[in-house]
């Protein structure tokens, strides 16, 4: 089931994609379930927005694909390498990634994102599915020069617009060998599969929830395959994950 958050001129609502229409839900499905209204809208008449704005946090995982760690000259960590992105970094499909004046080298990172659906603390790996609402696509945009300069990643990963999400949440996605591909202006840059992760989704949910309580709407970004690279003003980044869809965002230079 593909769940979308959308706007039709009256604020953001949720619905279920059905062909070329969206079936409007009565409320946020993470809290109200999948009760539908009698309203159906053509997709051509709505704007798909970020599928969730985390009330709490975006948990991201670094170096979770061995070849990506290698391409940047890093070792693969024995335990998940976690960092946080602020919820103010989240934007939706079609929204611009704004290049900040503080950085001269901003990179894309296409990733599978886990959407948490219930309060989760100290979750066992075997129970991870019970707290997952679904999956979406993320771009863990990174100011690579600031990441190296600062020695920690908060600034490099945390600028406004540095976490595009979407276009939908797929509630029936089962992590297997689905492809994850990133293109810039149509040129293929990343071409991997989600089962190449060093640490599995279940292990990431267990690890993160052992550190802090996960809340409905929180996200776990699961890492990026090899092939990351720079983006500049005028580019268009598209990330496609088999079974979910394509997240597309233009790149623009932010004003000072």
C-alpha atoms as a PDB file:
ATOM      1  CA  UNK A   1       0.000   0.000   0.000  1.00  0.00           C
ATOM      2  CA  UNK A   2       1.413   3.353  -1.041  1.00  0.00           C
ATOM      3  CA  UNK A   3       0.534   6.097   1.440  1.00  0.00           C
ATOM      4  CA  UNK A   4       1.093   9.701   0.426  1.00  0.00           C
ATOM      5  CA  UNK A   5       0.927  12.996   2.247  1.00  0.00           C
ATOM      6  CA  UNK A   6      -0.455  15.667  -0.036  1.00  0.00           C
ATOM      7  CA  UNK A   7      -1.810  19.162  -0.340  1.00  0.00           C
ATOM      8  CA  UNK A   8      -4.802  20.256  -2.381  1.00  0.00           C
ATOM      9  CA  UNK A   9      -4.870  23.835  -1.152  1.00  0.00           C
ATOM     10  CA  UNK A  10      -6.338  23.075   2.286  1.00  0.00           C
ATOM     11  CA  UNK A  11      -3.279  21.939   4.243  1.00  0.00           C
ATOM     12  CA  UNK A  12      -1.523  18.588   4.275  1.00  0.00           C
ATOM     13  CA  UNK A  13      -3.584  15.399   4.400  1.00  0.00           C
ATOM     14  CA  UNK A  14      -2.940  11.699   3.910  1.00  0.00           C
ATOM     15  CA  UNK A  15      -4.281   9.314   1.334  1.00  0.00           C
ATOM     16  CA  UNK A  16      -3.742   5.965  -0.375  1.00  0.00           C
ATOM     17  CA  UNK A  17      -2.582   5.934  -3.987  1.00  0.00           C
ATOM     18  CA  UNK A  18      -5.036   4.044  -6.199  1.00  0.00           C
ATOM     19  CA  UNK A  19      -4.043   4.201  -9.849  1.00  0.00           C
ATOM     20  CA  UNK A  20      -4.189   7.828 -10.971  1.00  0.00           C
ATOM     21  CA  UNK A  21      -6.207   8.884  -7.915  1.00  0.00           C
ATOM     22  CA  UNK A  22      -5.675   9.265  -4.198  1.00  0.00           C
ATOM     23  CA  UNK A  23      -8.217   7.993  -1.668  1.00  0.00           C
ATOM     24  CA  UNK A  24      -8.289  10.488   1.189  1.00  0.00           C
ATOM     25  CA  UNK A  25      -7.847   9.172   4.729  1.00  0.00           C
ATOM     26  CA  UNK A  26      -9.583  10.593   7.788  1.00  0.00           C
ATOM     27  CA  UNK A  27      -6.265  11.473   9.420  1.00  0.00           C
ATOM     28  CA  UNK A  28      -2.656  10.509   9.984  1.00  0.00           C
ATOM     29  CA  UNK A  29      -2.590   6.724   9.480  1.00  0.00           C
ATOM     30  CA  UNK A  30       0.152   6.285  12.080  1.00  0.00           C
ATOM     31  CA  UNK A  31      -2.384   7.420  14.685  1.00  0.00           C
ATOM     32  CA  UNK A  32      -5.817   6.949  13.056  1.00  0.00           C
ATOM     33  CA  UNK A  33      -5.291   3.816  10.969  1.00  0.00           C
ATOM     34  CA  UNK A  34      -6.412   3.488   7.367  1.00  0.00           C
ATOM     35  CA  UNK A  35     -10.007   4.692   7.666  1.00  0.00           C
ATOM     36  CA  UNK A  36     -10.970   6.309   4.372  1.00  0.00           C
ATOM     37  CA  UNK A  37     -13.350   9.128   3.525  1.00  0.00           C
ATOM     38  CA  UNK A  38     -15.614   9.232   0.494  1.00  0.00           C
ATOM     39  CA  UNK A  39     -13.247  11.680  -1.186  1.00  0.00           C
ATOM     40  CA  UNK A  40     -11.065  10.689  -4.146  1.00  0.00           C
ATOM     41  CA  UNK A  41      -8.859  13.183  -5.955  1.00  0.00           C
ATOM     42  CA  UNK A  42      -6.964  12.925  -9.247  1.00  0.00           C
ATOM     43  CA  UNK A  43      -3.201  12.883  -8.693  1.00  0.00           C
ATOM     44  CA  UNK A  44      -2.967  15.601 -11.320  1.00  0.00           C
ATOM     45  CA  UNK A  45      -4.856  17.973  -9.017  1.00  0.00           C
ATOM     46  CA  UNK A  46      -2.749  17.541  -5.856  1.00  0.00           C
ATOM     47  CA  UNK A  47       0.818  18.185  -4.736  1.00  0.00           C
ATOM     48  CA  UNK A  48       2.657  15.311  -3.099  1.00  0.00           C
ATOM     49  CA  UNK A  49       4.644  16.628  -0.134  1.00  0.00           C
ATOM     50  CA  UNK A  50       7.115  15.016   2.273  1.00  0.00           C
ATOM     51  CA  UNK A  51       5.448  11.796   3.457  1.00  0.00           C
ATOM     52  CA  UNK A  52       6.222  12.593   7.071  1.00  0.00           C
ATOM     53  CA  UNK A  53       7.660  15.456   9.105  1.00  0.00           C
ATOM     54  CA  UNK A  54       9.234  13.736  12.115  1.00  0.00           C
ATOM     55  CA  UNK A  55       7.971  15.107  15.397  1.00  0.00           C
ATOM     56  CA  UNK A  56      11.171  13.951  17.033  1.00  0.00           C
ATOM     57  CA  UNK A  57      14.191  12.996  14.927  1.00  0.00           C
ATOM     58  CA  UNK A  58      15.814  11.648  11.804  1.00  0.00           C
ATOM     59  CA  UNK A  59      18.286   8.936  12.736  1.00  0.00           C
ATOM     60  CA  UNK A  60      20.864   8.358  10.010  1.00  0.00           C
ATOM     61  CA  UNK A  61      23.445   5.612   9.600  1.00  0.00           C
ATOM     62  CA  UNK A  62      26.887   6.244   8.159  1.00  0.00           C
ATOM     63  CA  UNK A  63      29.089   3.841   6.180  1.00  0.00           C
ATOM     64  CA  UNK A  64      26.493   1.062   6.057  1.00  0.00           C
ATOM     65  CA  UNK A  65      27.517  -0.037   2.554  1.00  0.00           C
ATOM     66  CA  UNK A  66      31.065  -1.406   2.406  1.00  0.00           C
ATOM     67  CA  UNK A  67      31.853  -0.034  -1.048  1.00  0.00           C
ATOM     68  CA  UNK A  68      30.690   3.456  -0.066  1.00  0.00           C
ATOM     69  CA  UNK A  69      32.913   3.418   3.016  1.00  0.00           C
ATOM     70  CA  UNK A  70      35.785   2.274   0.818  1.00  0.00           C
ATOM     71  CA  UNK A  71      35.284   4.963  -1.814  1.00  0.00           C
ATOM     72  CA  UNK A  72      35.751   7.671   0.817  1.00  0.00           C
ATOM     73  CA  UNK A  73      38.763   5.935   2.350  1.00  0.00           C
ATOM     74  CA  UNK A  74      36.969   4.757   5.478  1.00  0.00           C
ATOM     75  CA  UNK A  75      36.696   1.443   7.294  1.00  0.00           C
ATOM     76  CA  UNK A  76      33.337  -0.274   7.660  1.00  0.00           C
ATOM     77  CA  UNK A  77      32.280   0.157  11.312  1.00  0.00           C
ATOM     78  CA  UNK A  78      31.650  -2.968  13.378  1.00  0.00           C
ATOM     79  CA  UNK A  79      28.611  -1.283  14.950  1.00  0.00           C
ATOM     80  CA  UNK A  80      26.157   1.093  13.272  1.00  0.00           C
ATOM     81  CA  UNK A  81      27.520   4.634  13.056  1.00  0.00           C
ATOM     82  CA  UNK A  82      24.597   6.872  14.024  1.00  0.00           C
ATOM     83  CA  UNK A  83      24.054  10.587  13.685  1.00  0.00           C
ATOM     84  CA  UNK A  84      20.993  12.833  13.737  1.00  0.00           C
ATOM     85  CA  UNK A  85      19.544  15.167  11.130  1.00  0.00           C
ATOM     86  CA  UNK A  86      17.095  17.845  12.338  1.00  0.00           C
ATOM     87  CA  UNK A  87      13.479  17.573  11.234  1.00  0.00           C
ATOM     88  CA  UNK A  88      13.888  21.035   9.695  1.00  0.00           C
ATOM     89  CA  UNK A  89      16.111  19.433   7.041  1.00  0.00           C
ATOM     90  CA  UNK A  90      13.105  17.537   5.628  1.00  0.00           C
ATOM     91  CA  UNK A  91      11.584  18.588   2.296  1.00  0.00           C
ATOM     92  CA  UNK A  92       9.381  16.756  -0.168  1.00  0.00           C
ATOM     93  CA  UNK A  93       9.413  15.633  -3.790  1.00  0.00           C
ATOM     94  CA  UNK A  94      10.088  18.482  -6.200  1.00  0.00           C
ATOM     95  CA  UNK A  95      11.327  20.798  -3.478  1.00  0.00           C
ATOM     96  CA  UNK A  96      14.725  22.374  -4.098  1.00  0.00           C
ATOM     97  CA  UNK A  97      17.888  21.284  -2.349  1.00  0.00           C
ATOM     98  CA  UNK A  98      19.413  24.624  -1.402  1.00  0.00           C
ATOM     99  CA  UNK A  99      23.205  24.798  -1.547  1.00  0.00           C
ATOM    100  CA  UNK A 100      24.431  26.777   1.472  1.00  0.00           C
ATOM    101  CA  UNK A 101      27.043  29.512   1.051  1.00  0.00           C
ATOM    102  CA  UNK A 102      29.202  27.909   3.760  1.00  0.00           C
ATOM    103  CA  UNK A 103      30.014  24.897   1.554  1.00  0.00           C
ATOM    104  CA  UNK A 104      31.779  24.447  -1.768  1.00  0.00           C
ATOM    105  CA  UNK A 105      31.172  20.683  -2.067  1.00  0.00           C
ATOM    106  CA  UNK A 106      27.681  19.282  -1.520  1.00  0.00           C
ATOM    107  CA  UNK A 107      26.970  15.631  -2.336  1.00  0.00           C
ATOM    108  CA  UNK A 108      23.903  13.459  -2.879  1.00  0.00           C
ATOM    109  CA  UNK A 109      23.363  10.163  -1.027  1.00  0.00           C
ATOM    110  CA  UNK A 110      20.408   8.012  -2.086  1.00  0.00           C
ATOM    111  CA  UNK A 111      19.023   5.902   0.760  1.00  0.00           C
ATOM    112  CA  UNK A 112      16.210   3.633   1.880  1.00  0.00           C
ATOM    113  CA  UNK A 113      14.425   5.199   4.858  1.00  0.00           C
ATOM    114  CA  UNK A 114      12.482   3.361   7.568  1.00  0.00           C
ATOM    115  CA  UNK A 115       9.385   5.090   8.954  1.00  0.00           C
ATOM    116  CA  UNK A 116       8.688   4.197  12.580  1.00  0.00           C
ATOM    117  CA  UNK A 117       5.020   3.605  13.352  1.00  0.00           C
ATOM    118  CA  UNK A 118       4.842   3.161  17.135  1.00  0.00           C
ATOM    119  CA  UNK A 119       6.719   4.028  20.304  1.00  0.00           C
ATOM    120  CA  UNK A 120       9.802   1.829  20.339  1.00  0.00           C
ATOM    121  CA  UNK A 121      12.377   1.306  23.058  1.00  0.00           C
ATOM    122  CA  UNK A 122      14.806  -1.630  23.384  1.00  0.00           C
ATOM    123  CA  UNK A 123      13.216  -3.450  20.469  1.00  0.00           C
ATOM    124  CA  UNK A 124      14.621  -6.911  19.731  1.00  0.00           C
ATOM    125  CA  UNK A 125      15.709  -7.543  16.144  1.00  0.00           C
ATOM    126  CA  UNK A 126      13.066 -10.241  15.836  1.00  0.00           C
ATOM    127  CA  UNK A 127      10.378  -7.678  16.724  1.00  0.00           C
ATOM    128  CA  UNK A 128      11.559  -4.839  14.490  1.00  0.00           C
ATOM    129  CA  UNK A 129       8.775  -5.268  11.942  1.00  0.00           C
ATOM    130  CA  UNK A 130       6.189  -4.621  14.649  1.00  0.00           C
ATOM    131  CA  UNK A 131       7.321  -0.999  15.064  1.00  0.00           C
ATOM    132  CA  UNK A 132       7.880  -0.189  11.373  1.00  0.00           C
ATOM    133  CA  UNK A 133       5.075   1.641   9.591  1.00  0.00           C
ATOM    134  CA  UNK A 134       6.694   1.470   6.166  1.00  0.00           C
ATOM    135  CA  UNK A 135       9.527   2.623   3.947  1.00  0.00           C
ATOM    136  CA  UNK A 136      10.284   5.650   1.812  1.00  0.00           C
ATOM    137  CA  UNK A 137      13.221   7.166  -0.102  1.00  0.00           C
ATOM    138  CA  UNK A 138      15.650   9.721   1.313  1.00  0.00           C
ATOM    139  CA  UNK A 139      18.533  11.830   0.070  1.00  0.00           C
ATOM    140  CA  UNK A 140      21.064  12.312   2.868  1.00  0.00           C
ATOM    141  CA  UNK A 141      22.500  15.497   1.365  1.00  0.00           C
ATOM    142  CA  UNK A 142      25.944  16.245   2.768  1.00  0.00           C
ATOM    143  CA  UNK A 143      28.286  19.225   2.716  1.00  0.00           C
ATOM    144  CA  UNK A 144      31.344  17.028   2.241  1.00  0.00           C
ATOM    145  CA  UNK A 145      33.932  19.739   2.867  1.00  0.00           C
ATOM    146  CA  UNK A 146      32.294  20.749   6.148  1.00  0.00           C
ATOM    147  CA  UNK A 147      32.015  17.111   7.183  1.00  0.00           C
ATOM    148  CA  UNK A 148      35.787  16.769   6.875  1.00  0.00           C
ATOM    149  CA  UNK A 149      36.503  20.166   8.410  1.00  0.00           C
ATOM    150  CA  UNK A 150      34.288  19.823  11.468  1.00  0.00           C
ATOM    151  CA  UNK A 151      35.185  16.257  12.432  1.00  0.00           C
ATOM    152  CA  UNK A 152      31.545  15.645  13.344  1.00  0.00           C
ATOM    153  CA  UNK A 153      28.562  15.713  11.054  1.00  0.00           C
ATOM    154  CA  UNK A 154      25.832  17.889  12.539  1.00  0.00           C
ATOM    155  CA  UNK A 155      26.451  20.947  10.391  1.00  0.00           C
ATOM    156  CA  UNK A 156      27.379  19.058   7.228  1.00  0.00           C
ATOM    157  CA  UNK A 157      24.210  16.960   7.324  1.00  0.00           C
ATOM    158  CA  UNK A 158      21.818  19.350   9.013  1.00  0.00           C
ATOM    159  CA  UNK A 159      21.172  22.313   6.705  1.00  0.00           C
ATOM    160  CA  UNK A 160      17.582  23.094   5.779  1.00  0.00           C
ATOM    161  CA  UNK A 161      16.527  21.025   2.711  1.00  0.00           C
ATOM    162  CA  UNK A 162      19.263  18.419   3.311  1.00  0.00           C
ATOM    163  CA  UNK A 163      16.791  15.563   3.821  1.00  0.00           C
ATOM    164  CA  UNK A 164      14.444  15.206   0.826  1.00  0.00           C
ATOM    165  CA  UNK A 165      11.882  12.427   1.383  1.00  0.00           C
ATOM    166  CA  UNK A 166       9.237  10.692  -0.690  1.00  0.00           C
ATOM    167  CA  UNK A 167       7.311  10.331  -2.753  1.00  0.00           C
ATOM    168  CA  UNK A 168       5.281   7.785  -0.744  1.00  0.00           C
ATOM    169  CA  UNK A 169       5.482   5.410   2.194  1.00  0.00           C
ATOM    170  CA  UNK A 170       5.227   1.802   1.036  1.00  0.00           C
ATOM    171  CA  UNK A 171       3.721  -0.168   3.925  1.00  0.00           C
ATOM    172  CA  UNK A 172       4.224  -3.602   2.357  1.00  0.00           C
ATOM    173  CA  UNK A 173       7.877  -3.240   1.350  1.00  0.00           C
ATOM    174  CA  UNK A 174      10.005  -6.226   2.356  1.00  0.00           C
ATOM    175  CA  UNK A 175      13.729  -5.571   2.277  1.00  0.00           C
ATOM    176  CA  UNK A 176      15.371  -7.988  -0.161  1.00  0.00           C
ATOM    177  CA  UNK A 177      17.456  -7.380  -3.284  1.00  0.00           C
ATOM    178  CA  UNK A 178      15.534  -4.351  -4.588  1.00  0.00           C
ATOM    179  CA  UNK A 179      17.614  -1.949  -6.632  1.00  0.00           C
ATOM    180  CA  UNK A 180      18.514   1.531  -5.433  1.00  0.00           C
ATOM    181  CA  UNK A 181      19.712   3.890  -8.150  1.00  0.00           C
ATOM    182  CA  UNK A 182      20.584   7.580  -8.186  1.00  0.00           C
ATOM    183  CA  UNK A 183      20.882   9.731 -11.283  1.00  0.00           C
ATOM    184  CA  UNK A 184      21.995  13.336 -11.683  1.00  0.00           C
ATOM    185  CA  UNK A 185      20.590  14.989 -14.795  1.00  0.00           C
ATOM    186  CA  UNK A 186      19.764  11.517 -16.085  1.00  0.00           C
ATOM    187  CA  UNK A 187      23.295  10.143 -15.653  1.00  0.00           C
ATOM    188  CA  UNK A 188      23.479   7.022 -13.453  1.00  0.00           C
ATOM    189  CA  UNK A 189      25.671   7.628 -10.393  1.00  0.00           C
ATOM    190  CA  UNK A 190      24.634   5.007  -7.839  1.00  0.00           C
ATOM    191  CA  UNK A 191      23.518   1.474  -8.700  1.00  0.00           C
ATOM    192  CA  UNK A 192      23.186  -0.886  -5.752  1.00  0.00           C
ATOM    193  CA  UNK A 193      20.731  -3.097  -3.931  1.00  0.00           C
ATOM    194  CA  UNK A 194      19.296  -2.608  -0.483  1.00  0.00           C
ATOM    195  CA  UNK A 195      20.507  -6.023   0.669  1.00  0.00           C
ATOM    196  CA  UNK A 196      24.100  -4.780   0.404  1.00  0.00           C
ATOM    197  CA  UNK A 197      23.730  -3.080   3.793  1.00  0.00           C
ATOM    198  CA  UNK A 198      26.328  -4.107   6.354  1.00  0.00           C
ATOM    199  CA  UNK A 199      23.822  -3.815   9.182  1.00  0.00           C
ATOM    200  CA  UNK A 200      20.253  -4.937   8.435  1.00  0.00           C
ATOM    201  CA  UNK A 201      17.136  -2.861   8.955  1.00  0.00           C
ATOM    202  CA  UNK A 202      16.154  -5.021  11.927  1.00  0.00           C
ATOM    203  CA  UNK A 203      19.553  -4.557  13.551  1.00  0.00           C
ATOM    204  CA  UNK A 204      19.393  -0.783  12.980  1.00  0.00           C
ATOM    205  CA  UNK A 205      15.964  -0.543  14.631  1.00  0.00           C
ATOM    206  CA  UNK A 206      17.220  -2.585  17.577  1.00  0.00           C
ATOM    207  CA  UNK A 207      20.433  -0.574  17.900  1.00  0.00           C
ATOM    208  CA  UNK A 208      18.797   2.844  17.618  1.00  0.00           C
ATOM    209  CA  UNK A 209      15.984   1.966  20.027  1.00  0.00           C
ATOM    210  CA  UNK A 210      18.539   0.795  22.584  1.00  0.00           C
ATOM    211  CA  UNK A 211      19.930   4.343  22.652  1.00  0.00           C
ATOM    212  CA  UNK A 212      16.822   6.505  22.510  1.00  0.00           C
ATOM    213  CA  UNK A 213      13.091   6.048  22.293  1.00  0.00           C
ATOM    214  CA  UNK A 214      11.793   6.081  18.737  1.00  0.00           C
ATOM    215  CA  UNK A 215       8.456   7.805  18.193  1.00  0.00           C
ATOM    216  CA  UNK A 216       5.820   7.460  15.458  1.00  0.00           C
ATOM    217  CA  UNK A 217       7.025   9.348  12.406  1.00  0.00           C
ATOM    218  CA  UNK A 218      10.704   9.107  13.290  1.00  0.00           C
ATOM    219  CA  UNK A 219      12.956   7.984  10.456  1.00  0.00           C
ATOM    220  CA  UNK A 220      15.996   5.769  10.151  1.00  0.00           C
ATOM    221  CA  UNK A 221      18.106   6.449   7.049  1.00  0.00           C
ATOM    222  CA  UNK A 222      19.898   3.189   6.339  1.00  0.00           C
ATOM    223  CA  UNK A 223      23.027   4.326   4.490  1.00  0.00           C
ATOM    224  CA  UNK A 224      23.997   4.843   0.876  1.00  0.00           C
ATOM    225  CA  UNK A 225      25.612   2.663  -1.806  1.00  0.00           C
ATOM    226  CA  UNK A 226      28.842   3.598  -3.547  1.00  0.00           C
ATOM    227  CA  UNK A 227      28.823   6.310  -6.188  1.00  0.00           C
ATOM    228  CA  UNK A 228      28.114   9.464  -4.191  1.00  0.00           C
ATOM    229  CA  UNK A 229      29.195  12.689  -5.818  1.00  0.00           C
ATOM    230  CA  UNK A 230      28.792  16.454  -6.032  1.00  0.00           C
ATOM    231  CA  UNK A 231      25.722  18.428  -7.044  1.00  0.00           C
ATOM    232  CA  UNK A 232      25.620  21.999  -8.304  1.00  0.00           C
ATOM    233  CA  UNK A 233      23.049  24.656  -9.101  1.00  0.00           C
ATOM    234  CA  UNK A 234      20.738  23.524 -11.906  1.00  0.00           C
ATOM    235  CA  UNK A 235      21.133  19.780 -11.319  1.00  0.00           C
ATOM    236  CA  UNK A 236      18.227  17.403 -10.806  1.00  0.00           C
ATOM    237  CA  UNK A 237      18.756  14.426  -8.506  1.00  0.00           C
ATOM    238  CA  UNK A 238      16.515  11.363  -8.867  1.00  0.00           C
ATOM    239  CA  UNK A 239      16.640   8.391  -6.511  1.00  0.00           C
ATOM    240  CA  UNK A 240      14.667   5.278  -7.440  1.00  0.00           C
ATOM    241  CA  UNK A 241      14.073   2.296  -5.173  1.00  0.00           C
ATOM    242  CA  UNK A 242      12.354  -0.678  -6.726  1.00  0.00           C
ATOM    243  CA  UNK A 243       8.920  -1.140  -5.182  1.00  0.00           C
ATOM    244  CA  UNK A 244       8.650   2.400  -3.784  1.00  0.00           C
ATOM    245  CA  UNK A 245       9.111   4.893  -6.622  1.00  0.00           C
ATOM    246  CA  UNK A 246      11.305   7.847  -7.533  1.00  0.00           C
ATOM    247  CA  UNK A 247      12.248  10.879  -5.450  1.00  0.00           C
ATOM    248  CA  UNK A 248      13.216  13.852  -7.613  1.00  0.00           C
ATOM    249  CA  UNK A 249      14.615  17.194  -6.446  1.00  0.00           C
ATOM    250  CA  UNK A 250      16.187  20.169  -8.238  1.00  0.00           C
ATOM    251  CA  UNK A 251      19.317  21.818  -6.873  1.00  0.00           C
ATOM    252  CA  UNK A 252      19.538  25.550  -6.342  1.00  0.00           C
ATOM    253  CA  UNK A 253      21.998  27.990  -4.759  1.00  0.00           C
ATOM    254  CA  UNK A 254      20.749  29.528  -1.526  1.00  0.00           C
ATOM    255  CA  UNK A 255      21.013  33.272  -1.111  1.00  0.00           C
ATOM    256  CA  UNK A 256      23.171  34.617   1.677  1.00  0.00           C
END
